[in-house]
Amino acid sequence: MTILYTPLSRRQWIGGSVALSTTLLSGCLAARNRSEPESVWGRYGFSDGRFIKPRAMAIDADDHLFIVDTTGRIQVFDGDGNFLRNWKTPQTENGRPTGMTIRRAADGRPDRLLVADTHYYRMLSYSLDGALHEGEQIGGTPGFAAGQFAFVTDVVCDARGCFYIGEYGDSDRIQKFDPDGAFLAQWGSSGSEPEQFVRPQSLAIQGDIIWVADAGNHRIQRFDISKQTPELIDVIGREGSGRGEFHYPYDLAFAADGTIIVCEYGNQRLQRLSADGKWIAFWGGPGFQPGQLYDPWAVVVDSRDRIHVLDSNNHRVQRLMMFG
């Protein structure tokens, strides 16, 4: 079912977070499931193991967490939050990355950390030890042409090694590239109709389906990527705080059984949906205590089916068991 809405103004979007937190603490979301997480770690700061508003997270086969914050640092931790190593993106003056993913090699092992270097219009490629592979960069030039970008939001790879890169701003679209970085296709434009986007913030691939967190339209769109040009399957959700409704869905992660976890920046919670998009359960709610969230940006699921959520404005990570 397709749900259309009237988009918020830019001022409402940017300024709404603090007001939303205050409103929801006394509203219906205060009654949502806020069961205690398994662990909570991280705190505000510039030293190793601390964060300044972390904004993206990826996880490898060893359950190591790669987290970037608004200083441009990429820090690596084990699944219990123990600091391992870090490095910094090449440039940060214009802004910092908002999306990351782990690419797997042909043998199935993770071999690259792909970074949506948002304000530099490009995808960066790193070895998992932090070595930058400049020859594997895609983009770097602002514009509307194939291979040029507005603000890059996220990047994912399919089983064939093709890249899918989302962007927002002057262009709300997704571009597809072959394993060597050559442009193949693009789809989307700015708007609220099906196949249009307002900040496609997160991408996730499951088989031949790509899920797109269409953040500014408060919905998820699914596309069949087995076609030469991806085709729309359906549109899931609408703006709201009820079951299967969203307010700025910012990230997506799959559980072992194919269900999907949606991280909502606006509603400050997680939702679990079935593989065909039906609501299963909530977790979280606005606040500062364990089991509460403050503007969460990212979520990953580890090899033990545990959920790690990037509780951004609380400058921490919370880990919980699968819920619902």
C-alpha atoms as a PDB file:
ATOM      1  CA  MET A   1       0.000   0.000   0.000  1.00  0.00           C
ATOM      2  CA  THR A   2       1.362   3.390  -0.946  1.00  0.00           C
ATOM      3  CA  ILE A   3       1.052   6.171   1.624  1.00  0.00           C
ATOM      4  CA  LEU A   4       1.683   9.768   0.600  1.00  0.00           C
ATOM      5  CA  TYR A   5       2.266  12.706   2.942  1.00  0.00           C
ATOM      6  CA  THR A   6       3.112  16.381   2.996  1.00  0.00           C
ATOM      7  CA  PRO A   7       6.848  16.673   3.763  1.00  0.00           C
ATOM      8  CA  LEU A   8       8.027  18.731   6.726  1.00  0.00           C
ATOM      9  CA  SER A   9       9.814  21.960   6.020  1.00  0.00           C
ATOM     10  CA  ARG A  10      13.597  21.992   6.447  1.00  0.00           C
ATOM     11  CA  ARG A  11      13.254  24.110   9.578  1.00  0.00           C
ATOM     12  CA  GLN A  12      10.749  21.667  11.104  1.00  0.00           C
ATOM     13  CA  TRP A  13      13.017  18.732  10.252  1.00  0.00           C
ATOM     14  CA  ILE A  14      16.203  20.222  11.721  1.00  0.00           C
ATOM     15  CA  GLY A  15      14.561  21.771  14.753  1.00  0.00           C
ATOM     16  CA  GLY A  16      12.141  18.999  15.551  1.00  0.00           C
ATOM     17  CA  SER A  17      14.463  16.590  17.327  1.00  0.00           C
ATOM     18  CA  VAL A  18      14.701  18.337  20.701  1.00  0.00           C
ATOM     19  CA  ALA A  19      11.001  19.179  20.790  1.00  0.00           C
ATOM     20  CA  LEU A  20      10.167  15.622  19.796  1.00  0.00           C
ATOM     21  CA  SER A  21      12.238  14.211  22.640  1.00  0.00           C
ATOM     22  CA  THR A  22      10.376  16.355  25.173  1.00  0.00           C
ATOM     23  CA  THR A  23       6.971  15.550  23.736  1.00  0.00           C
ATOM     24  CA  LEU A  24       7.472  11.815  23.476  1.00  0.00           C
ATOM     25  CA  LEU A  25       8.748  11.423  27.006  1.00  0.00           C
ATOM     26  CA  SER A  26       5.257  12.286  28.215  1.00  0.00           C
ATOM     27  CA  GLY A  27       3.407  10.752  25.243  1.00  0.00           C
ATOM     28  CA  CYS A  28       2.436   7.356  23.968  1.00  0.00           C
ATOM     29  CA  LEU A  29       5.971   6.206  23.172  1.00  0.00           C
ATOM     30  CA  ALA A  30       6.920   6.381  26.850  1.00  0.00           C
ATOM     31  CA  ALA A  31       4.951   3.153  27.278  1.00  0.00           C
ATOM     32  CA  ARG A  32       6.903   1.225  24.615  1.00  0.00           C
ATOM     33  CA  ASN A  33       9.104  -1.743  25.385  1.00  0.00           C
ATOM     34  CA  ARG A  34      12.209  -0.441  27.144  1.00  0.00           C
ATOM     35  CA  SER A  35      13.551  -3.712  28.521  1.00  0.00           C
ATOM     36  CA  GLU A  36      17.074  -3.603  29.871  1.00  0.00           C
ATOM     37  CA  PRO A  37      19.814  -4.102  27.274  1.00  0.00           C
ATOM     38  CA  GLU A  38      22.567  -6.679  27.782  1.00  0.00           C
ATOM     39  CA  SER A  39      25.227  -4.012  27.858  1.00  0.00           C
ATOM     40  CA  VAL A  40      25.742  -0.274  27.438  1.00  0.00           C
ATOM     41  CA  TRP A  41      29.148   1.186  26.654  1.00  0.00           C
ATOM     42  CA  GLY A  42      30.763   4.399  25.447  1.00  0.00           C
ATOM     43  CA  ARG A  43      30.632   7.981  26.652  1.00  0.00           C
ATOM     44  CA  TYR A  44      31.178  11.520  25.438  1.00  0.00           C
ATOM     45  CA  GLY A  45      34.757  12.440  24.645  1.00  0.00           C
ATOM     46  CA  PHE A  46      37.629  12.659  22.175  1.00  0.00           C
ATOM     47  CA  SER A  47      39.885   9.916  23.544  1.00  0.00           C
ATOM     48  CA  ASP A  48      39.969   6.299  22.359  1.00  0.00           C
ATOM     49  CA  GLY A  49      36.708   4.488  23.058  1.00  0.00           C
ATOM     50  CA  ARG A  50      34.675   7.676  23.467  1.00  0.00           C
ATOM     51  CA  PHE A  51      32.349   9.361  20.966  1.00  0.00           C
ATOM     52  CA  ILE A  52      31.153  12.729  19.753  1.00  0.00           C
ATOM     53  CA  LYS A  53      27.728  11.985  18.264  1.00  0.00           C
ATOM     54  CA  PRO A  54      28.532   8.726  16.446  1.00  0.00           C
ATOM     55  CA  ARG A  55      26.611   8.512  13.166  1.00  0.00           C
ATOM     56  CA  ALA A  56      27.289   5.234  11.358  1.00  0.00           C
ATOM     57  CA  MET A  57      28.216   1.665  12.208  1.00  0.00           C
ATOM     58  CA  ALA A  58      29.167  -1.556  10.410  1.00  0.00           C
ATOM     59  CA  ILE A  59      29.997  -5.061  11.653  1.00  0.00           C
ATOM     60  CA  ASP A  60      32.338  -7.734  10.275  1.00  0.00           C
ATOM     61  CA  ALA A  61      32.286 -11.539  10.487  1.00  0.00           C
ATOM     62  CA  ASP A  62      34.231 -11.452  13.763  1.00  0.00           C
ATOM     63  CA  ASP A  63      31.601  -9.160  15.308  1.00  0.00           C
ATOM     64  CA  HIS A  64      33.990  -6.218  15.307  1.00  0.00           C
ATOM     65  CA  LEU A  65      32.121  -2.921  15.250  1.00  0.00           C
ATOM     66  CA  PHE A  66      33.312  -0.056  13.029  1.00  0.00           C
ATOM     67  CA  ILE A  67      31.904   3.268  14.241  1.00  0.00           C
ATOM     68  CA  VAL A  68      32.391   6.771  12.842  1.00  0.00           C
ATOM     69  CA  ASP A  69      31.517   9.907  14.807  1.00  0.00           C
ATOM     70  CA  THR A  70      31.341  13.607  13.997  1.00  0.00           C
ATOM     71  CA  THR A  71      35.092  14.038  14.470  1.00  0.00           C
ATOM     72  CA  GLY A  72      35.632  11.833  11.401  1.00  0.00           C
ATOM     73  CA  ARG A  73      37.261   9.097  13.515  1.00  0.00           C
ATOM     74  CA  ILE A  74      36.552   5.500  12.584  1.00  0.00           C
ATOM     75  CA  GLN A  75      36.978   3.431  15.742  1.00  0.00           C
ATOM     76  CA  VAL A  76      36.948  -0.360  15.874  1.00  0.00           C
ATOM     77  CA  PHE A  77      35.684  -2.341  18.886  1.00  0.00           C
ATOM     78  CA  ASP A  78      35.027  -5.951  19.749  1.00  0.00           C
ATOM     79  CA  GLY A  79      31.463  -7.063  20.445  1.00  0.00           C
ATOM     80  CA  ASP A  80      31.788  -6.129  24.116  1.00  0.00           C
ATOM     81  CA  GLY A  81      32.927  -2.574  23.427  1.00  0.00           C
ATOM     82  CA  ASN A  82      36.669  -3.020  23.962  1.00  0.00           C
ATOM     83  CA  PHE A  83      38.644  -0.542  21.854  1.00  0.00           C
ATOM     84  CA  LEU A  84      40.888  -2.106  19.186  1.00  0.00           C
ATOM     85  CA  ARG A  85      42.143   0.591  16.809  1.00  0.00           C
ATOM     86  CA  ASN A  86      41.157   3.738  14.921  1.00  0.00           C
ATOM     87  CA  TRP A  87      41.931   6.028  12.008  1.00  0.00           C
ATOM     88  CA  LYS A  88      40.458   9.181  10.498  1.00  0.00           C
ATOM     89  CA  THR A  89      38.838   9.972   7.163  1.00  0.00           C
ATOM     90  CA  PRO A  90      40.988  12.139   4.830  1.00  0.00           C
ATOM     91  CA  GLN A  91      38.901  15.324   5.121  1.00  0.00           C
ATOM     92  CA  THR A  92      36.368  16.527   7.674  1.00  0.00           C
ATOM     93  CA  GLU A  93      36.067  20.290   7.228  1.00  0.00           C
ATOM     94  CA  ASN A  94      32.846  20.074   5.198  1.00  0.00           C
ATOM     95  CA  GLY A  95      31.252  17.300   7.274  1.00  0.00           C
ATOM     96  CA  ARG A  96      31.560  13.684   8.282  1.00  0.00           C
ATOM     97  CA  PRO A  97      30.369  10.300   6.974  1.00  0.00           C
ATOM     98  CA  THR A  98      26.806   9.096   7.617  1.00  0.00           C
ATOM     99  CA  GLY A  99      26.911   5.517   6.321  1.00  0.00           C
ATOM    100  CA  MET A 100      29.220   2.459   6.307  1.00  0.00           C
ATOM    101  CA  THR A 101      29.079  -1.177   5.289  1.00  0.00           C
ATOM    102  CA  ILE A 102      31.371  -4.213   5.141  1.00  0.00           C
ATOM    103  CA  ARG A 103      31.935  -5.716   1.681  1.00  0.00           C
ATOM    104  CA  ARG A 104      32.581  -9.422   1.369  1.00  0.00           C
ATOM    105  CA  ALA A 105      35.094 -10.877  -1.074  1.00  0.00           C
ATOM    106  CA  ALA A 106      34.313 -13.728  -3.475  1.00  0.00           C
ATOM    107  CA  ASP A 107      35.237 -16.265  -0.770  1.00  0.00           C
ATOM    108  CA  GLY A 108      32.654 -14.757   1.573  1.00  0.00           C
ATOM    109  CA  ARG A 109      35.143 -13.152   3.964  1.00  0.00           C
ATOM    110  CA  PRO A 110      34.838  -9.433   4.692  1.00  0.00           C
ATOM    111  CA  ASP A 111      37.588  -7.510   2.917  1.00  0.00           C
ATOM    112  CA  ARG A 112      36.619  -3.836   2.735  1.00  0.00           C
ATOM    113  CA  LEU A 113      34.980  -1.162   4.828  1.00  0.00           C
ATOM    114  CA  LEU A 114      32.982   1.072   2.482  1.00  0.00           C
ATOM    115  CA  VAL A 115      32.313   4.581   3.781  1.00  0.00           C
ATOM    116  CA  ALA A 116      29.707   7.055   2.533  1.00  0.00           C
ATOM    117  CA  ASP A 117      31.842  10.195   2.773  1.00  0.00           C
ATOM    118  CA  THR A 118      28.743  12.324   2.691  1.00  0.00           C
ATOM    119  CA  HIS A 119      30.003  15.884   2.292  1.00  0.00           C
ATOM    120  CA  TYR A 120      32.756  14.968  -0.150  1.00  0.00           C
ATOM    121  CA  TYR A 121      30.392  13.334  -2.668  1.00  0.00           C
ATOM    122  CA  ARG A 122      32.112   9.934  -2.695  1.00  0.00           C
ATOM    123  CA  MET A 123      32.481   6.384  -1.439  1.00  0.00           C
ATOM    124  CA  LEU A 124      35.767   5.576   0.297  1.00  0.00           C
ATOM    125  CA  SER A 125      37.182   2.052   0.454  1.00  0.00           C
ATOM    126  CA  TYR A 126      39.378   0.811   3.325  1.00  0.00           C
ATOM    127  CA  SER A 127      40.992  -2.458   4.277  1.00  0.00           C
ATOM    128  CA  LEU A 128      39.683  -3.539   7.654  1.00  0.00           C
ATOM    129  CA  ASP A 129      42.975  -2.445   9.221  1.00  0.00           C
ATOM    130  CA  GLY A 130      42.373   1.140   8.074  1.00  0.00           C
ATOM    131  CA  ALA A 131      44.422   1.287   4.864  1.00  0.00           C
ATOM    132  CA  LEU A 132      42.747   3.594   2.333  1.00  0.00           C
ATOM    133  CA  HIS A 133      42.478   2.266  -1.259  1.00  0.00           C
ATOM    134  CA  GLU A 134      42.268   5.452  -3.270  1.00  0.00           C
ATOM    135  CA  GLY A 135      41.911   3.600  -6.586  1.00  0.00           C
ATOM    136  CA  GLU A 136      38.650   2.039  -5.387  1.00  0.00           C
ATOM    137  CA  GLN A 137      36.965   5.361  -4.625  1.00  0.00           C
ATOM    138  CA  ILE A 138      33.689   6.024  -6.425  1.00  0.00           C
ATOM    139  CA  GLY A 139      32.658   9.625  -6.991  1.00  0.00           C
ATOM    140  CA  GLY A 140      34.238  12.756  -5.564  1.00  0.00           C
ATOM    141  CA  THR A 141      32.619  15.313  -7.863  1.00  0.00           C
ATOM    142  CA  PRO A 142      29.330  17.045  -7.004  1.00  0.00           C
ATOM    143  CA  GLY A 143      26.707  17.033  -9.723  1.00  0.00           C
ATOM    144  CA  PHE A 144      23.768  15.317 -11.399  1.00  0.00           C
ATOM    145  CA  ALA A 145      25.548  13.217 -14.024  1.00  0.00           C
ATOM    146  CA  ALA A 146      26.239   9.499 -13.760  1.00  0.00           C
ATOM    147  CA  GLY A 147      28.945   8.919 -11.154  1.00  0.00           C
ATOM    148  CA  GLN A 148      28.530  12.373  -9.646  1.00  0.00           C
ATOM    149  CA  PHE A 149      26.759  12.846  -6.315  1.00  0.00           C
ATOM    150  CA  ALA A 150      24.986  15.199  -3.994  1.00  0.00           C
ATOM    151  CA  PHE A 151      25.360  14.202  -0.301  1.00  0.00           C
ATOM    152  CA  VAL A 152      26.132  10.480  -0.161  1.00  0.00           C
ATOM    153  CA  THR A 153      24.124   8.641   2.520  1.00  0.00           C
ATOM    154  CA  ASP A 154      24.972   4.941   2.295  1.00  0.00           C
ATOM    155  CA  VAL A 155      26.577   2.229   0.181  1.00  0.00           C
ATOM    156  CA  VAL A 156      25.904  -1.519  -0.045  1.00  0.00           C
ATOM    157  CA  CYS A 157      26.995  -4.400  -2.290  1.00  0.00           C
ATOM    158  CA  ASP A 158      25.003  -7.237  -3.797  1.00  0.00           C
ATOM    159  CA  ALA A 159      26.132 -10.864  -4.244  1.00  0.00           C
ATOM    160  CA  ARG A 160      27.582 -10.008  -7.668  1.00  0.00           C
ATOM    161  CA  GLY A 161      29.834  -7.319  -6.186  1.00  0.00           C
ATOM    162  CA  CYS A 162      27.866  -4.387  -7.586  1.00  0.00           C
ATOM    163  CA  PHE A 163      27.692  -1.195  -5.531  1.00  0.00           C
ATOM    164  CA  TYR A 164      24.512   0.761  -4.712  1.00  0.00           C
ATOM    165  CA  ILE A 165      25.049   4.311  -3.453  1.00  0.00           C
ATOM    166  CA  GLY A 166      22.307   6.565  -2.073  1.00  0.00           C
ATOM    167  CA  GLU A 167      22.357  10.350  -2.010  1.00  0.00           C
ATOM    168  CA  TYR A 168      20.199  13.276  -0.938  1.00  0.00           C
ATOM    169  CA  GLY A 169      20.095  17.029  -1.407  1.00  0.00           C
ATOM    170  CA  ASP A 170      19.942  18.206  -4.994  1.00  0.00           C
ATOM    171  CA  SER A 171      19.556  14.556  -6.049  1.00  0.00           C
ATOM    172  CA  ASP A 172      17.506  12.047  -4.058  1.00  0.00           C
ATOM    173  CA  ARG A 173      18.410   8.912  -5.950  1.00  0.00           C
ATOM    174  CA  ILE A 174      20.336   5.630  -5.929  1.00  0.00           C
ATOM    175  CA  GLN A 175      23.127   4.841  -8.383  1.00  0.00           C
ATOM    176  CA  LYS A 176      24.395   1.362  -9.246  1.00  0.00           C
ATOM    177  CA  PHE A 177      27.993   0.542 -10.233  1.00  0.00           C
ATOM    178  CA  ASP A 178      29.701  -2.634 -11.359  1.00  0.00           C
ATOM    179  CA  PRO A 179      32.453  -4.284  -9.217  1.00  0.00           C
ATOM    180  CA  ASP A 180      35.067  -2.098 -10.938  1.00  0.00           C
ATOM    181  CA  GLY A 181      33.156   1.104 -10.151  1.00  0.00           C
ATOM    182  CA  ALA A 182      31.700   1.719 -13.623  1.00  0.00           C
ATOM    183  CA  PHE A 183      28.224   3.275 -13.678  1.00  0.00           C
ATOM    184  CA  LEU A 184      25.367   0.902 -14.579  1.00  0.00           C
ATOM    185  CA  ALA A 185      22.026   2.483 -13.670  1.00  0.00           C
ATOM    186  CA  GLN A 186      20.206   4.987 -11.491  1.00  0.00           C
ATOM    187  CA  TRP A 187      16.687   5.479 -10.187  1.00  0.00           C
ATOM    188  CA  GLY A 188      14.715   7.868  -8.035  1.00  0.00           C
ATOM    189  CA  SER A 189      14.221  11.620  -7.760  1.00  0.00           C
ATOM    190  CA  SER A 190      13.160  14.096  -5.079  1.00  0.00           C
ATOM    191  CA  GLY A 191       9.508  13.743  -4.042  1.00  0.00           C
ATOM    192  CA  SER A 192       6.935  11.702  -2.157  1.00  0.00           C
ATOM    193  CA  GLU A 193       5.524   9.547  -4.974  1.00  0.00           C
ATOM    194  CA  PRO A 194       6.469   5.856  -5.192  1.00  0.00           C
ATOM    195  CA  GLU A 195      10.048   5.482  -6.521  1.00  0.00           C
ATOM    196  CA  GLN A 196      10.873   8.987  -5.285  1.00  0.00           C
ATOM    197  CA  PHE A 197      12.854   9.767  -2.153  1.00  0.00           C
ATOM    198  CA  VAL A 198      13.481  12.413   0.463  1.00  0.00           C
ATOM    199  CA  ARG A 199      16.852  11.468   1.930  1.00  0.00           C
ATOM    200  CA  PRO A 200      17.275   7.735   1.240  1.00  0.00           C
ATOM    201  CA  GLN A 201      19.375   7.377   4.380  1.00  0.00           C
ATOM    202  CA  SER A 202      20.025   3.638   4.540  1.00  0.00           C
ATOM    203  CA  LEU A 203      20.198   0.723   2.107  1.00  0.00           C
ATOM    204  CA  ALA A 204      20.088  -2.999   2.898  1.00  0.00           C
ATOM    205  CA  ILE A 205      20.167  -5.963   0.495  1.00  0.00           C
ATOM    206  CA  GLN A 206      18.516  -9.323   1.051  1.00  0.00           C
ATOM    207  CA  GLY A 207      18.915 -11.620  -1.948  1.00  0.00           C
ATOM    208  CA  ASP A 208      17.572  -9.737  -4.963  1.00  0.00           C
ATOM    209  CA  ILE A 209      15.693  -7.143  -2.895  1.00  0.00           C
ATOM    210  CA  ILE A 210      17.088  -3.811  -1.784  1.00  0.00           C
ATOM    211  CA  TRP A 211      15.340  -2.100   1.130  1.00  0.00           C
ATOM    212  CA  VAL A 212      15.593   1.698   1.197  1.00  0.00           C
ATOM    213  CA  ALA A 213      14.954   3.718   4.360  1.00  0.00           C
ATOM    214  CA  ASP A 214      13.254   6.701   2.719  1.00  0.00           C
ATOM    215  CA  ALA A 215      13.828   8.818   5.823  1.00  0.00           C
ATOM    216  CA  GLY A 216      12.200  12.126   4.897  1.00  0.00           C
ATOM    217  CA  ASN A 217       9.108  10.340   3.592  1.00  0.00           C
ATOM    218  CA  HIS A 218       8.891   8.247   6.806  1.00  0.00           C
ATOM    219  CA  ARG A 219       8.655   4.953   4.951  1.00  0.00           C
ATOM    220  CA  ILE A 220      10.594   2.052   3.474  1.00  0.00           C
ATOM    221  CA  GLN A 221      10.628   1.187  -0.223  1.00  0.00           C
ATOM    222  CA  ARG A 222      11.643  -2.205  -1.602  1.00  0.00           C
ATOM    223  CA  PHE A 223      13.015  -2.817  -5.103  1.00  0.00           C
ATOM    224  CA  ASP A 224      13.795  -5.906  -7.184  1.00  0.00           C
ATOM    225  CA  ILE A 225      17.460  -5.576  -8.191  1.00  0.00           C
ATOM    226  CA  SER A 226      17.503  -8.679 -10.394  1.00  0.00           C
ATOM    227  CA  LYS A 227      16.268  -6.396 -13.191  1.00  0.00           C
ATOM    228  CA  GLN A 228      18.604  -4.271 -15.296  1.00  0.00           C
ATOM    229  CA  THR A 229      16.910  -1.228 -13.808  1.00  0.00           C
ATOM    230  CA  PRO A 230      15.539  -1.983 -10.311  1.00  0.00           C
ATOM    231  CA  GLU A 231      11.742  -2.220 -10.108  1.00  0.00           C
ATOM    232  CA  LEU A 232       9.548  -1.145  -7.193  1.00  0.00           C
ATOM    233  CA  ILE A 233       8.050  -4.026  -5.185  1.00  0.00           C
ATOM    234  CA  ASP A 234       6.150  -2.085  -2.522  1.00  0.00           C
ATOM    235  CA  VAL A 235       6.086   0.861  -0.111  1.00  0.00           C
ATOM    236  CA  ILE A 236       5.964   0.068   3.607  1.00  0.00           C
ATOM    237  CA  GLY A 237       4.721   2.392   6.332  1.00  0.00           C
ATOM    238  CA  ARG A 238       3.696   5.993   6.783  1.00  0.00           C
ATOM    239  CA  GLU A 239       4.487   8.839   9.162  1.00  0.00           C
ATOM    240  CA  GLY A 240       3.479   8.131  12.752  1.00  0.00           C
ATOM    241  CA  SER A 241       4.375   6.426  16.012  1.00  0.00           C
ATOM    242  CA  GLY A 242       2.148   3.338  15.788  1.00  0.00           C
ATOM    243  CA  ARG A 243       2.850  -0.196  14.674  1.00  0.00           C
ATOM    244  CA  GLY A 244       4.614  -0.217  11.330  1.00  0.00           C
ATOM    245  CA  GLU A 245       4.674   3.588  11.206  1.00  0.00           C
ATOM    246  CA  PHE A 246       7.911   5.565  11.094  1.00  0.00           C
ATOM    247  CA  HIS A 247       9.417   8.932  11.925  1.00  0.00           C
ATOM    248  CA  TYR A 248      12.749   9.326  10.154  1.00  0.00           C
ATOM    249  CA  PRO A 249      13.859   5.707   9.753  1.00  0.00           C
ATOM    250  CA  TYR A 250      17.647   6.026   9.572  1.00  0.00           C
ATOM    251  CA  ASP A 251      19.057   2.509   9.410  1.00  0.00           C
ATOM    252  CA  LEU A 252      18.198  -1.109   8.575  1.00  0.00           C
ATOM    253  CA  ALA A 253      19.717  -4.451   9.587  1.00  0.00           C
ATOM    254  CA  PHE A 254      18.682  -8.066   8.967  1.00  0.00           C
ATOM    255  CA  ALA A 255      18.320 -10.744  11.647  1.00  0.00           C
ATOM    256  CA  ALA A 256      19.268 -14.372  11.004  1.00  0.00           C
ATOM    257  CA  ASP A 257      15.660 -15.350  10.250  1.00  0.00           C
ATOM    258  CA  GLY A 258      15.279 -12.674   7.558  1.00  0.00           C
ATOM    259  CA  THR A 259      13.309 -10.226   9.691  1.00  0.00           C
ATOM    260  CA  ILE A 260      14.540  -6.649   9.600  1.00  0.00           C
ATOM    261  CA  ILE A 261      15.363  -4.168  12.371  1.00  0.00           C
ATOM    262  CA  VAL A 262      14.516  -0.528  11.662  1.00  0.00           C
ATOM    263  CA  CYS A 263      16.284   2.218  13.626  1.00  0.00           C
ATOM    264  CA  GLU A 264      14.095   5.320  13.912  1.00  0.00           C
ATOM    265  CA  TYR A 265      15.897   8.592  14.558  1.00  0.00           C
ATOM    266  CA  GLY A 266      12.631  10.472  15.041  1.00  0.00           C
ATOM    267  CA  ASN A 267      10.641   7.999  17.165  1.00  0.00           C
ATOM    268  CA  GLN A 268      13.824   7.035  19.057  1.00  0.00           C
ATOM    269  CA  ARG A 269      13.147   3.333  18.989  1.00  0.00           C
ATOM    270  CA  LEU A 270      13.722   0.118  17.058  1.00  0.00           C
ATOM    271  CA  GLN A 271      11.042  -1.805  15.215  1.00  0.00           C
ATOM    272  CA  ARG A 272      11.236  -5.387  14.033  1.00  0.00           C
ATOM    273  CA  LEU A 273       9.429  -6.253  10.790  1.00  0.00           C
ATOM    274  CA  SER A 274       8.869  -9.545   9.017  1.00  0.00           C
ATOM    275  CA  ALA A 275      10.627 -10.286   5.726  1.00  0.00           C
ATOM    276  CA  ASP A 276       7.574  -8.909   3.885  1.00  0.00           C
ATOM    277  CA  GLY A 277       7.366  -5.755   6.010  1.00  0.00           C
ATOM    278  CA  LYS A 278       4.745  -6.651   8.638  1.00  0.00           C
ATOM    279  CA  TRP A 279       5.147  -5.300  12.170  1.00  0.00           C
ATOM    280  CA  ILE A 280       6.416  -7.660  14.899  1.00  0.00           C
ATOM    281  CA  ALA A 281       7.613  -5.603  17.886  1.00  0.00           C
ATOM    282  CA  PHE A 282       9.045  -2.342  19.282  1.00  0.00           C
ATOM    283  CA  TRP A 283      12.063  -1.714  21.498  1.00  0.00           C
ATOM    284  CA  GLY A 284      13.213   1.488  23.130  1.00  0.00           C
ATOM    285  CA  GLY A 285      11.768   4.960  23.581  1.00  0.00           C
ATOM    286  CA  PRO A 286      13.162   8.465  24.186  1.00  0.00           C
ATOM    287  CA  GLY A 287      15.427   9.110  27.143  1.00  0.00           C
ATOM    288  CA  PHE A 288      18.842   8.710  28.706  1.00  0.00           C
ATOM    289  CA  GLN A 289      18.596   5.505  30.746  1.00  0.00           C
ATOM    290  CA  PRO A 290      19.584   2.014  29.548  1.00  0.00           C
ATOM    291  CA  GLY A 291      16.843   0.798  27.241  1.00  0.00           C
ATOM    292  CA  GLN A 292      16.107   4.367  26.102  1.00  0.00           C
ATOM    293  CA  LEU A 293      17.484   6.173  23.065  1.00  0.00           C
ATOM    294  CA  TYR A 294      18.325   9.737  22.073  1.00  0.00           C
ATOM    295  CA  ASP A 295      18.469  10.302  18.294  1.00  0.00           C
ATOM    296  CA  PRO A 296      19.787   6.839  17.305  1.00  0.00           C
ATOM    297  CA  TRP A 297      21.470   6.717  13.896  1.00  0.00           C
ATOM    298  CA  ALA A 298      22.470   3.113  13.225  1.00  0.00           C
ATOM    299  CA  VAL A 299      21.847  -0.547  14.012  1.00  0.00           C
ATOM    300  CA  VAL A 300      23.658  -3.822  13.237  1.00  0.00           C
ATOM    301  CA  VAL A 301      23.013  -7.477  14.077  1.00  0.00           C
ATOM    302  CA  ASP A 302      25.943  -9.737  15.016  1.00  0.00           C
ATOM    303  CA  SER A 303      26.651 -13.431  14.396  1.00  0.00           C
ATOM    304  CA  ARG A 304      24.807 -14.371  17.616  1.00  0.00           C
ATOM    305  CA  ASP A 305      21.708 -12.465  16.490  1.00  0.00           C
ATOM    306  CA  ARG A 306      22.288  -9.732  19.063  1.00  0.00           C
ATOM    307  CA  ILE A 307      21.372  -6.162  18.161  1.00  0.00           C
ATOM    308  CA  HIS A 308      23.786  -3.240  18.582  1.00  0.00           C
ATOM    309  CA  VAL A 309      22.198   0.204  18.322  1.00  0.00           C
ATOM    310  CA  LEU A 310      24.175   3.436  17.970  1.00  0.00           C
ATOM    311  CA  ASP A 311      22.581   5.703  20.591  1.00  0.00           C
ATOM    312  CA  SER A 312      24.062   8.800  19.009  1.00  0.00           C
ATOM    313  CA  ASN A 313      23.158  11.757  21.215  1.00  0.00           C
ATOM    314  CA  ASN A 314      23.789   9.619  24.296  1.00  0.00           C
ATOM    315  CA  HIS A 315      27.273   8.981  22.793  1.00  0.00           C
ATOM    316  CA  ARG A 316      27.099   5.240  23.366  1.00  0.00           C
ATOM    317  CA  VAL A 317      26.196   1.785  22.054  1.00  0.00           C
ATOM    318  CA  GLN A 318      23.532  -0.468  23.526  1.00  0.00           C
ATOM    319  CA  ARG A 319      23.459  -4.220  22.903  1.00  0.00           C
ATOM    320  CA  LEU A 320      20.274  -6.253  23.286  1.00  0.00           C
ATOM    321  CA  MET A 321      18.915  -9.674  22.469  1.00  0.00           C
ATOM    322  CA  MET A 322      16.547 -10.087  19.536  1.00  0.00           C
ATOM    323  CA  PHE A 323      13.111  -8.841  20.594  1.00  0.00           C
ATOM    324  CA  GLY A 324       9.553  -9.713  19.599  1.00  0.00           C
END
